[in-house]
Amino acid sequence: MSSQDIPDENLPAGQDATIAVADEKDPFADPGLPPHEHRIQDVDERAAKRSERTVALLFTVSMLATVGFIASYVAIPHDKSIFVFPIGHLNALNFALGLTLGAALFCIGAGAVHWARTLMSDEEVADDRHPIAAEPEVKAKVMADFKQGAKESALGRRKLIRNTMFGALALFPLSGVVLLRDLGPLPGTKLRHTLWSKGKLLVNMNTNEPLRPADVAVGSLTFAKPEGLEEHDHDFQNEIAKAALMIIRLQPDDIKDKQELDWSYQGIVAYSKICTHVGCPISLYEQQTHHALCPCHQSTFDLSDGAKVIFGPAGHPLPQLRIGVNDEGYLEALGDFTEPVGPAFWERG
């Protein structure tokens, strides 16, 4: 719509309607600003007071939600769960922290928006644009002042001051890195060790019974866990993620790797079930080729040759657990894995 279609009474006060008329030289003439419309808060103090109280209420709710966040963090046990319809069972601490933090942030934002929309000035102001670049004289003066300041600072001559200043500025951010220590306890050597130790029986994951050599048929695949680890244990998931075993029985003549043969019992070998790529549980076994396949990214391990990687993205073989038989005829571990199980990590040794 051109300015010719705008009625004169809608033009801002003091603006001549003729200056907005389009012509050949200026086909897109500025039509000017529409007349300002006052809000109810601008003309009615009671409405303004209501808006003020609304904003204050939102900020107060935000403060209460923040207090609730802190109280939830201190008071709610991290392992407590609650039922929330229709979502289901949730961790009570996570639900409380998320709800209170979300409410605190939302109320601050909503209060600020309501404040700006109803109480702050909303008058339209036209501001002319000017060139951003400074005049050549100003640029020359700034550069001259900078060179003069650098000369007066004597950084070029006072090398001791310069070097120690750079050292202080470089080391200071490390104080923030130290605060990362509060993210949680250090892992220590927990990634290097599992529940397996000398004398621990191999327990069938399905029957929850100790395994005998006769329970493992040639060509079969059996999953095992350490004796004493039960599903109702608090740390079951963390421990089984490191200690889960694959038990496979091969013909001793089919085992190519000498250490694998030495660490086996009558062709029964025990390997970690955790893939060395990203930690998926391996569950597919090909009897004829003795290959184990990870279903996540198809890493393939030759269980007859030290569980070496023959295909896929895995970086190293599956760790083998040395096993034997105790006096009662049950399969037992002869120690822990000699290397960390699962994916490689930066300090893997």
Protein backbone atom coordinates (compact mmCIF):
# COMPACT_ATOMS: atom_id res chain seq x y z
CA MET A 1 0.00 0.00 0.00
CA SER A 2 1.45 3.38 -0.92
CA SER A 3 1.29 6.47 1.20
CA GLN A 4 -1.34 7.83 -1.15
CA ASP A 5 -3.81 5.35 0.34
CA ILE A 6 -3.17 6.40 3.97
CA PRO A 7 -5.70 8.92 5.28
CA ASP A 8 -4.21 12.16 6.49
CA GLU A 9 -5.66 11.72 9.97
CA ASN A 10 -3.56 8.51 10.48
CA LEU A 11 -0.25 10.25 9.86
CA PRO A 12 1.81 11.30 12.92
CA ALA A 13 1.23 14.79 14.17
CA GLY A 14 3.27 17.37 12.34
CA GLN A 15 3.92 15.15 9.32
CA ASP A 16 2.90 16.51 5.98
CA ALA A 17 1.00 13.99 3.89
CA THR A 18 2.70 15.18 0.75
CA ILE A 19 6.17 13.98 1.79
CA ALA A 20 5.00 10.37 1.67
CA VAL A 21 3.71 10.58 -1.89
CA ALA A 22 5.48 8.16 -4.23
CA ASP A 23 6.96 9.47 -7.45
CA GLU A 24 9.35 8.24 -10.13
CA LYS A 25 12.42 9.13 -8.08
CA ASP A 26 11.15 7.54 -4.85
CA PRO A 27 8.66 4.75 -5.64
CA PHE A 28 8.83 3.38 -2.07
CA ALA A 29 8.26 6.47 -0.01
CA ASP A 30 8.17 6.18 3.78
CA PRO A 31 4.48 6.23 4.79
CA GLY A 32 5.40 7.38 8.31
CA LEU A 33 4.47 5.91 11.67
CA PRO A 34 0.86 5.04 12.53
CA PRO A 35 -0.72 6.95 15.41
CA HIS A 36 0.25 5.66 18.84
CA GLU A 37 -2.45 3.67 20.62
CA HIS A 38 -2.39 3.87 24.40
CA ARG A 39 -2.65 0.71 26.46
CA ILE A 40 -5.11 0.46 29.30
CA GLN A 41 -2.20 0.58 31.75
CA ASP A 42 -1.14 3.94 30.27
CA VAL A 43 -4.47 5.60 31.05
CA ASP A 44 -5.74 3.62 34.07
CA GLU A 45 -3.50 3.50 37.15
CA ARG A 46 -5.55 0.66 38.63
CA ALA A 47 -4.78 -1.50 35.59
CA ALA A 48 -1.11 -0.58 35.92
CA LYS A 49 -1.18 -1.63 39.58
CA ARG A 50 -2.76 -4.98 38.60
CA SER A 51 0.02 -5.57 36.09
CA GLU A 52 2.61 -4.61 38.70
CA ARG A 53 1.15 -7.10 41.17
CA THR A 54 1.06 -9.80 38.48
CA VAL A 55 4.74 -9.28 37.69
CA ALA A 56 5.61 -9.28 41.39
CA LEU A 57 3.62 -12.50 41.89
CA LEU A 58 5.50 -14.23 39.07
CA PHE A 59 8.84 -13.18 40.52
CA THR A 60 7.73 -14.34 43.99
CA VAL A 61 6.70 -17.74 42.62
CA SER A 62 10.13 -17.96 40.97
CA MET A 63 11.80 -17.33 44.33
CA LEU A 64 9.67 -19.98 46.02
CA ALA A 65 10.47 -22.44 43.22
CA THR A 66 14.19 -21.79 43.69
CA VAL A 67 13.86 -22.46 47.41
CA GLY A 68 11.94 -25.62 46.53
CA PHE A 69 14.76 -26.66 44.18
CA ILE A 70 17.33 -26.34 46.97
CA ALA A 71 15.08 -28.10 49.49
CA SER A 72 14.41 -30.96 47.05
CA TYR A 73 18.11 -31.41 46.39
CA VAL A 74 18.80 -31.68 50.12
CA ALA A 75 15.76 -33.61 51.34
CA ILE A 76 14.71 -36.10 48.64
CA PRO A 77 16.69 -39.38 48.46
CA HIS A 78 18.25 -39.95 45.05
CA ASP A 79 16.77 -43.47 44.79
CA LYS A 80 13.15 -42.59 45.69
CA SER A 81 10.55 -43.04 42.94
CA ILE A 82 7.00 -41.71 42.55
CA PHE A 83 4.09 -42.40 40.21
CA VAL A 84 3.01 -39.45 38.05
CA PHE A 85 -0.08 -39.90 35.89
CA PRO A 86 0.03 -40.39 32.92
CA ILE A 87 3.82 -40.62 32.65
CA GLY A 88 4.33 -43.49 35.08
CA HIS A 89 7.05 -44.12 37.65
CA LEU A 90 9.76 -41.44 37.82
CA ASN A 91 12.75 -40.68 39.96
CA ALA A 92 11.35 -38.35 42.64
CA LEU A 93 14.50 -36.24 42.91
CA ASN A 94 14.81 -35.67 39.16
CA PHE A 95 11.10 -34.86 38.88
CA ALA A 96 11.24 -32.35 41.75
CA LEU A 97 14.41 -30.68 40.50
CA GLY A 98 13.10 -30.40 36.95
CA LEU A 99 9.70 -29.09 38.07
CA THR A 100 11.05 -26.45 40.47
CA LEU A 101 13.86 -25.29 38.19
CA GLY A 102 11.49 -25.08 35.22
CA ALA A 103 8.97 -23.12 37.26
CA ALA A 104 11.64 -20.71 38.51
CA LEU A 105 12.95 -19.99 35.02
CA PHE A 106 9.48 -19.78 33.46
CA CYS A 107 8.20 -17.31 36.06
CA ILE A 108 11.23 -15.06 35.62
CA GLY A 109 10.72 -15.03 31.86
CA ALA A 110 6.95 -14.60 32.06
CA GLY A 111 7.32 -11.78 34.59
CA ALA A 112 9.86 -9.96 32.43
CA VAL A 113 7.68 -10.30 29.32
CA HIS A 114 4.54 -9.12 31.13
CA TRP A 115 6.47 -6.20 32.60
CA ALA A 116 7.74 -5.16 29.17
CA ARG A 117 4.39 -5.59 27.44
CA THR A 118 2.22 -3.75 29.95
CA LEU A 119 4.32 -1.29 31.98
CA MET A 120 7.43 -0.33 30.02
CA SER A 121 7.14 2.40 27.40
CA ASP A 122 5.96 1.15 24.02
CA GLU A 123 6.18 4.39 22.05
CA GLU A 124 7.58 3.94 18.55
CA VAL A 125 10.70 6.01 17.89
CA ALA A 126 12.30 6.48 14.49
CA ASP A 127 16.08 6.57 14.61
CA ASP A 128 18.13 7.59 11.61
CA ARG A 129 20.97 5.31 10.61
CA HIS A 130 24.43 6.79 10.34
CA PRO A 131 27.68 5.39 8.94
CA ILE A 132 29.36 3.08 11.42
CA ALA A 133 32.94 3.63 10.29
CA ALA A 134 34.85 6.35 12.07
CA GLU A 135 36.41 9.28 10.28
CA PRO A 136 40.03 8.85 9.13
CA GLU A 137 41.15 11.45 11.66
CA VAL A 138 39.51 9.50 14.48
CA LYS A 139 41.11 6.23 13.34
CA ALA A 140 44.51 7.87 13.18
CA LYS A 141 44.11 9.30 16.68
CA VAL A 142 43.01 5.92 18.12
CA MET A 143 46.03 4.16 16.62
CA ALA A 144 48.33 6.89 17.86
CA ASP A 145 46.86 6.64 21.37
CA PHE A 146 47.26 2.85 21.29
CA LYS A 147 50.91 3.06 20.27
CA GLN A 148 51.53 5.70 22.91
CA GLY A 149 49.87 3.52 25.58
CA ALA A 150 51.90 0.49 24.54
CA LYS A 151 55.07 2.57 24.72
CA GLU A 152 54.21 3.93 28.16
CA SER A 153 53.37 0.45 29.49
CA ALA A 154 56.96 -0.62 28.76
CA LEU A 155 55.84 -4.20 27.97
CA GLY A 156 58.55 -4.40 25.34
CA ARG A 157 61.30 -3.49 27.80
CA ARG A 158 59.87 -5.01 30.99
CA LYS A 159 59.94 -8.62 29.86
CA LEU A 160 59.65 -9.97 33.40
CA ILE A 161 56.35 -8.16 33.94
CA ARG A 162 55.08 -9.18 30.52
CA ASN A 163 55.91 -12.87 30.95
CA THR A 164 54.52 -13.13 34.48
CA MET A 165 51.33 -11.34 33.42
CA PHE A 166 50.83 -13.81 30.56
CA GLY A 167 51.49 -16.66 32.98
CA ALA A 168 48.93 -15.34 35.47
CA LEU A 169 46.29 -14.93 32.74
CA ALA A 170 47.02 -18.42 31.40
CA LEU A 171 46.82 -20.15 34.79
CA PHE A 172 43.81 -18.33 36.19
CA PRO A 173 41.21 -20.30 34.12
CA LEU A 174 42.50 -23.48 35.77
CA SER A 175 40.63 -22.46 38.91
CA GLY A 176 37.40 -23.03 37.00
CA VAL A 177 38.61 -26.43 35.82
CA VAL A 178 39.22 -27.44 39.43
CA LEU A 179 35.53 -26.81 40.17
CA LEU A 180 34.70 -29.68 37.80
CA ARG A 181 35.90 -31.96 40.59
CA ASP A 182 32.51 -31.42 42.25
CA LEU A 183 30.73 -33.15 39.37
CA GLY A 184 31.14 -36.43 41.21
CA PRO A 185 33.58 -38.87 42.78
CA LEU A 186 36.64 -39.85 40.79
CA PRO A 187 36.28 -43.28 39.12
CA GLY A 188 39.59 -44.48 40.52
CA THR A 189 40.31 -48.00 39.25
CA LYS A 190 36.68 -49.11 39.07
CA LEU A 191 36.86 -49.31 35.27
CA ARG A 192 39.80 -51.69 35.47
CA HIS A 193 38.30 -54.28 37.81
CA THR A 194 35.16 -56.42 37.99
CA LEU A 195 33.60 -58.71 40.60
CA TRP A 196 35.51 -61.69 39.22
CA SER A 197 38.23 -63.04 41.50
CA LYS A 198 39.93 -66.34 42.19
CA GLY A 199 37.40 -68.95 43.35
CA LYS A 200 34.24 -67.12 42.16
CA LEU A 201 31.80 -69.62 40.64
CA LEU A 202 30.33 -69.08 37.17
CA VAL A 203 26.55 -68.83 37.64
CA ASN A 204 24.13 -69.38 34.76
CA MET A 205 22.23 -66.13 34.08
CA ASN A 206 19.02 -68.02 33.21
CA THR A 207 18.88 -70.69 35.93
CA ASN A 208 20.87 -68.82 38.60
CA GLU A 209 22.72 -72.08 39.28
CA PRO A 210 26.49 -72.70 39.27
CA LEU A 211 27.77 -74.19 36.04
CA ARG A 212 29.47 -77.57 35.65
CA PRO A 213 31.49 -78.48 32.55
CA ALA A 214 28.78 -80.98 31.61
CA ASP A 215 26.23 -78.11 31.47
CA VAL A 216 28.06 -76.53 28.51
CA ALA A 217 27.67 -78.46 25.26
CA VAL A 218 30.05 -78.14 22.34
CA GLY A 219 28.90 -75.30 20.06
CA SER A 220 26.59 -73.81 22.68
CA LEU A 221 26.55 -70.24 24.04
CA THR A 222 25.80 -69.64 27.72
CA PHE A 223 25.72 -66.37 29.64
CA ALA A 224 27.14 -66.26 33.16
CA LYS A 225 27.56 -63.88 36.09
CA PRO A 226 29.76 -63.95 39.22
CA GLU A 227 28.64 -65.89 42.26
CA GLY A 228 26.88 -63.64 44.79
CA LEU A 229 25.62 -61.02 42.33
CA GLU A 230 21.81 -60.88 42.47
CA GLU A 231 19.37 -58.85 40.40
CA HIS A 232 17.88 -57.19 43.48
CA ASP A 233 21.28 -55.78 44.49
CA HIS A 234 21.49 -52.00 44.46
CA ASP A 235 24.53 -51.95 42.15
CA PHE A 236 23.52 -54.93 39.99
CA GLN A 237 23.35 -53.00 36.71
CA ASN A 238 26.73 -51.35 37.23
CA GLU A 239 28.45 -54.60 38.13
CA ILE A 240 26.86 -56.85 35.50
CA ALA A 241 27.79 -54.27 32.85
CA LYS A 242 31.43 -55.15 33.58
CA ALA A 243 31.24 -58.78 34.70
CA ALA A 244 28.83 -60.38 32.18
CA LEU A 245 30.38 -63.48 30.55
CA MET A 246 29.92 -65.52 27.39
CA ILE A 247 30.68 -69.22 27.93
CA ILE A 248 31.39 -71.16 24.74
CA ARG A 249 32.61 -74.74 24.38
CA LEU A 250 34.87 -75.49 21.44
CA GLN A 251 36.79 -78.55 20.43
CA PRO A 252 40.27 -78.01 21.91
CA ASP A 253 41.76 -78.69 18.46
CA ASP A 254 39.76 -75.76 17.04
CA ILE A 255 41.36 -73.23 19.42
CA LYS A 256 44.13 -71.42 17.54
CA ASP A 257 45.42 -69.09 20.25
CA LYS A 258 47.76 -70.69 22.80
CA GLN A 259 46.78 -68.38 25.68
CA GLU A 260 43.11 -68.98 24.97
CA LEU A 261 43.71 -72.72 25.19
CA ASP A 262 45.72 -72.37 28.41
CA TRP A 263 43.00 -70.23 30.02
CA SER A 264 40.17 -72.57 29.01
CA TYR A 265 38.96 -75.83 30.55
CA GLN A 266 38.42 -78.79 28.21
CA GLY A 267 37.54 -76.37 25.39
CA ILE A 268 35.27 -74.20 27.55
CA VAL A 269 36.29 -70.54 27.14
CA ALA A 270 34.94 -67.48 28.94
CA TYR A 271 34.96 -64.08 27.28
CA SER A 272 33.53 -60.72 28.28
CA LYS A 273 30.05 -60.19 26.86
CA ILE A 274 30.63 -56.43 26.55
CA CYS A 275 31.60 -55.26 23.07
CA THR A 276 34.83 -53.29 22.94
CA HIS A 277 33.34 -50.71 20.58
CA VAL A 278 30.63 -48.86 22.57
CA GLY A 279 29.74 -51.43 25.21
CA CYS A 280 26.74 -53.21 23.68
CA PRO A 281 26.02 -56.74 24.98
CA ILE A 282 27.07 -59.40 22.49
CA SER A 283 24.41 -62.05 22.02
CA LEU A 284 24.86 -63.58 18.54
CA TYR A 285 27.08 -66.65 18.02
CA GLU A 286 27.77 -68.57 14.81
CA GLN A 287 28.54 -72.18 15.70
CA GLN A 288 30.30 -73.21 12.50
CA THR A 289 32.72 -70.28 12.29
CA HIS A 290 33.00 -69.63 16.06
CA HIS A 291 32.27 -65.96 15.39
CA ALA A 292 30.46 -63.70 17.90
CA LEU A 293 28.59 -60.72 16.44
CA CYS A 294 27.66 -57.51 18.22
CA PRO A 295 24.11 -56.55 17.10
CA CYS A 296 24.70 -52.80 17.47
CA HIS A 297 27.42 -52.11 14.88
CA GLN A 298 28.26 -55.60 13.59
CA SER A 299 31.70 -55.91 15.19
CA THR A 300 32.70 -59.55 14.74
CA PHE A 301 35.08 -61.49 17.01
CA ASP A 302 36.73 -64.87 16.32
CA LEU A 303 36.27 -66.80 19.59
CA SER A 304 38.57 -69.56 18.40
CA ASP A 305 41.49 -67.14 17.95
CA GLY A 306 41.69 -65.00 21.07
CA ALA A 307 38.42 -63.17 20.25
CA LYS A 308 40.29 -61.02 17.74
CA VAL A 309 38.32 -58.45 15.76
CA ILE A 310 37.81 -59.66 12.20
CA PHE A 311 35.19 -57.09 11.15
CA GLY A 312 33.60 -53.88 12.35
CA PRO A 313 34.60 -50.82 14.36
CA ALA A 314 35.70 -52.51 17.61
CA GLY A 315 39.25 -51.50 18.51
CA HIS A 316 40.55 -54.54 20.37
CA PRO A 317 39.67 -58.19 21.20
CA LEU A 318 37.27 -59.25 23.91
CA PRO A 319 39.03 -59.84 27.25
CA GLN A 320 39.21 -63.50 28.27
CA LEU A 321 38.60 -64.76 31.83
CA ARG A 322 40.84 -67.58 32.98
CA ILE A 323 38.69 -70.43 34.35
CA GLY A 324 39.05 -73.85 35.93
CA VAL A 325 37.09 -76.38 38.02
CA ASN A 326 36.96 -76.51 41.82
CA ASP A 327 36.94 -79.60 44.04
CA GLU A 328 33.15 -79.87 43.75
CA GLY A 329 33.25 -79.94 39.97
CA TYR A 330 31.93 -76.42 39.35
CA LEU A 331 33.46 -73.94 36.90
CA GLU A 332 35.25 -71.13 38.73
CA ALA A 333 37.26 -68.03 37.86
CA LEU A 334 40.99 -68.13 38.47
CA GLY A 335 41.21 -64.34 38.80
CA ASP A 336 39.85 -61.14 37.32
CA PHE A 337 40.16 -59.98 33.72
CA THR A 338 43.73 -58.90 33.05
CA GLU A 339 42.57 -55.80 31.14
CA PRO A 340 39.56 -53.44 31.36
CA VAL A 341 36.40 -54.74 29.72
CA GLY A 342 34.27 -52.83 27.25
CA PRO A 343 35.21 -49.79 25.15
CA ALA A 344 38.64 -48.23 25.32
CA PHE A 345 39.05 -45.09 27.41
CA TRP A 346 41.70 -42.39 27.54
CA GLU A 347 43.73 -43.96 30.35
CA ARG A 348 43.28 -47.58 29.31
CA GLY A 349 46.24 -49.64 30.44
